Amino acid sequence: MAELTTLFQEMWRQGQVPQGFKGATVVHLSKRKENRQLCDNHRGISLLNIAGKIFARILLNRLNGHLEQGVLPESQFGFRRHRGKTDMIFAARQLQEKCQEMRTHLCTTFLDPTKTFDTVNRDGLWESHAGFLLS
């Protein structure tokens, strides 16, 4: 463990990560035995260097600690500790009720990124939202 700590501290000081920590071996797996010709019945998993995963977790924890010090807006619920879907649903409902009380319009967009990151037309997404103020 001391050797790993020394390695990580040196990587931190130099600001460089060994190439072996950056790569992954992608392995193809079949999800089900039913119809193997359907793409949805397959997935890939990435096998990563264990020391690289540990270092990445340390970086993530440090970054999250920094982000929780007021860097992220209070309205952001995704990818934050101790904030989940239920909190976002509650906040959205409160906003809806407040807009109804004030008799003002409310425009909302809910995105489900499931299975979309590889195929989403990002230019089209931005174009479709061009008329709205997004932050």
Protein backbone atom coordinates (compact mmCIF):
# COMPACT_ATOMS: atom_id res chain seq x y z
CA MET A 1 0.00 0.00 0.00
CA ALA A 2 2.87 2.38 0.76
CA GLU A 3 4.24 1.87 -2.76
CA LEU A 4 0.86 2.71 -4.28
CA THR A 5 0.57 5.82 -2.11
CA THR A 6 4.04 6.94 -3.18
CA LEU A 7 3.18 6.34 -6.84
CA PHE A 8 -0.07 8.32 -6.57
CA GLN A 9 1.64 11.21 -4.79
CA GLU A 10 4.29 11.38 -7.49
CA MET A 11 1.65 11.27 -10.23
CA TRP A 12 -0.18 14.11 -8.47
CA ARG A 13 3.00 16.20 -8.20
CA GLN A 14 3.92 15.66 -11.85
CA GLY A 15 0.37 16.02 -13.12
CA GLN A 16 0.80 12.95 -15.31
CA VAL A 17 -0.91 9.57 -15.39
CA PRO A 18 0.88 6.49 -16.79
CA GLN A 19 -0.44 5.33 -20.15
CA GLY A 20 -1.27 1.93 -18.63
CA PHE A 21 -3.79 3.63 -16.32
CA LYS A 22 -5.60 5.25 -19.24
CA GLY A 23 -6.36 2.23 -21.40
CA ALA A 24 -9.08 -0.37 -21.22
CA THR A 25 -9.73 -3.76 -22.72
CA VAL A 26 -13.29 -3.93 -24.01
CA VAL A 27 -14.89 -7.37 -23.72
CA HIS A 28 -18.08 -8.28 -25.56
CA LEU A 29 -20.80 -10.02 -23.52
CA SER A 30 -24.15 -11.45 -24.49
CA LYS A 31 -26.89 -10.43 -22.04
CA ARG A 32 -29.36 -13.17 -22.82
CA LYS A 33 -29.41 -16.48 -24.57
CA GLU A 34 -32.61 -15.63 -26.49
CA ASN A 35 -31.88 -13.85 -29.77
CA ARG A 36 -28.18 -13.12 -30.07
CA GLN A 37 -28.73 -11.27 -33.35
CA LEU A 38 -30.37 -8.31 -31.59
CA CYS A 39 -27.96 -5.54 -30.61
CA ASP A 40 -29.89 -4.90 -27.40
CA ASN A 41 -28.96 -8.40 -26.21
CA HIS A 42 -25.26 -7.51 -26.15
CA ARG A 43 -23.07 -5.13 -24.22
CA GLY A 44 -19.45 -4.32 -23.82
CA ILE A 45 -17.61 -4.01 -20.54
CA SER A 46 -14.30 -2.28 -20.04
CA LEU A 47 -11.62 -4.03 -18.04
CA LEU A 48 -9.45 -1.39 -16.39
CA ASN A 49 -6.16 -1.32 -14.55
CA ILE A 50 -6.97 -1.70 -10.83
CA ALA A 51 -4.41 0.87 -9.66
CA GLY A 52 -5.80 3.25 -12.29
CA LYS A 53 -9.33 2.72 -10.96
CA ILE A 54 -8.17 3.47 -7.41
CA PHE A 55 -6.41 6.64 -8.57
CA ALA A 56 -9.50 7.69 -10.55
CA ARG A 57 -11.65 7.22 -7.42
CA ILE A 58 -9.26 9.38 -5.39
CA LEU A 59 -9.45 12.09 -8.06
CA LEU A 60 -13.24 11.82 -8.16
CA ASN A 61 -13.50 12.20 -4.39
CA ARG A 62 -11.24 15.27 -4.45
CA LEU A 63 -13.14 16.79 -7.35
CA ASN A 64 -16.52 16.15 -5.71
CA GLY A 65 -15.27 17.72 -2.49
CA HIS A 66 -14.27 20.83 -4.43
CA LEU A 67 -17.53 20.96 -6.41
CA GLU A 68 -19.61 20.73 -3.24
CA GLN A 69 -17.99 23.95 -1.95
CA GLY A 70 -20.44 26.11 -3.88
CA VAL A 71 -19.08 25.56 -7.39
CA LEU A 72 -22.21 23.80 -8.64
CA PRO A 73 -25.58 25.55 -8.55
CA GLU A 74 -28.07 24.39 -5.93
CA SER A 75 -30.45 23.51 -8.75
CA GLN A 76 -28.18 20.73 -10.04
CA PHE A 77 -29.22 17.33 -8.74
CA GLY A 78 -27.50 14.95 -11.15
CA PHE A 79 -24.09 13.54 -10.31
CA ARG A 80 -24.13 14.97 -6.79
CA ARG A 81 -23.92 13.26 -3.43
CA HIS A 82 -27.06 13.00 -1.32
CA ARG A 83 -29.28 14.28 -4.13
CA GLY A 84 -31.46 11.98 -6.14
CA LYS A 85 -34.46 11.68 -8.39
CA THR A 86 -36.89 12.10 -5.51
CA ASP A 87 -35.33 15.44 -4.57
CA MET A 88 -35.56 16.64 -8.17
CA ILE A 89 -39.18 15.54 -8.50
CA PHE A 90 -40.03 17.40 -5.28
CA ALA A 91 -38.28 20.57 -6.47
CA ALA A 92 -39.98 20.38 -9.88
CA ARG A 93 -43.37 19.97 -8.23
CA GLN A 94 -42.72 22.96 -5.94
CA LEU A 95 -41.75 25.05 -8.97
CA GLN A 96 -44.88 23.97 -10.83
CA GLU A 97 -47.12 24.90 -7.90
CA LYS A 98 -45.42 28.29 -7.49
CA CYS A 99 -45.90 29.06 -11.20
CA GLN A 100 -49.57 28.11 -10.95
CA GLU A 101 -50.01 30.44 -7.97
CA MET A 102 -48.36 33.27 -9.89
CA ARG A 103 -50.30 32.44 -13.07
CA THR A 104 -47.13 32.29 -15.14
CA HIS A 105 -45.94 29.86 -17.78
CA LEU A 106 -43.52 27.07 -17.00
CA CYS A 107 -41.58 25.19 -19.66
CA THR A 108 -39.84 22.00 -18.62
CA THR A 109 -37.73 19.42 -20.38
CA PHE A 110 -37.07 15.99 -18.95
CA LEU A 111 -34.34 13.94 -20.56
CA ASP A 112 -33.81 10.21 -20.21
CA PRO A 113 -30.25 9.59 -21.39
CA THR A 114 -30.67 5.80 -21.35
CA LYS A 115 -28.94 4.30 -24.37
CA THR A 116 -28.55 7.71 -26.04
CA PHE A 117 -25.01 8.87 -25.44
CA ASP A 118 -23.62 6.95 -28.41
CA THR A 119 -26.41 7.91 -30.79
CA VAL A 120 -27.80 11.31 -29.79
CA ASN A 121 -27.65 14.01 -32.46
CA ARG A 122 -26.17 16.71 -30.25
CA ASP A 123 -26.34 19.40 -32.94
CA GLY A 124 -30.03 18.65 -33.44
CA LEU A 125 -30.61 18.70 -29.69
CA TRP A 126 -29.03 22.15 -29.33
CA GLU A 127 -30.90 23.40 -32.41
CA SER A 128 -34.24 22.20 -31.04
CA HIS A 129 -33.61 24.12 -27.79
CA ALA A 130 -32.27 27.28 -29.46
CA GLY A 131 -35.41 29.29 -28.65
CA PHE A 132 -35.23 28.58 -24.92
CA LEU A 133 -33.00 29.98 -22.23
CA LEU A 134 -31.06 27.05 -20.82
CA SER A 135 -28.52 27.15 -18.06
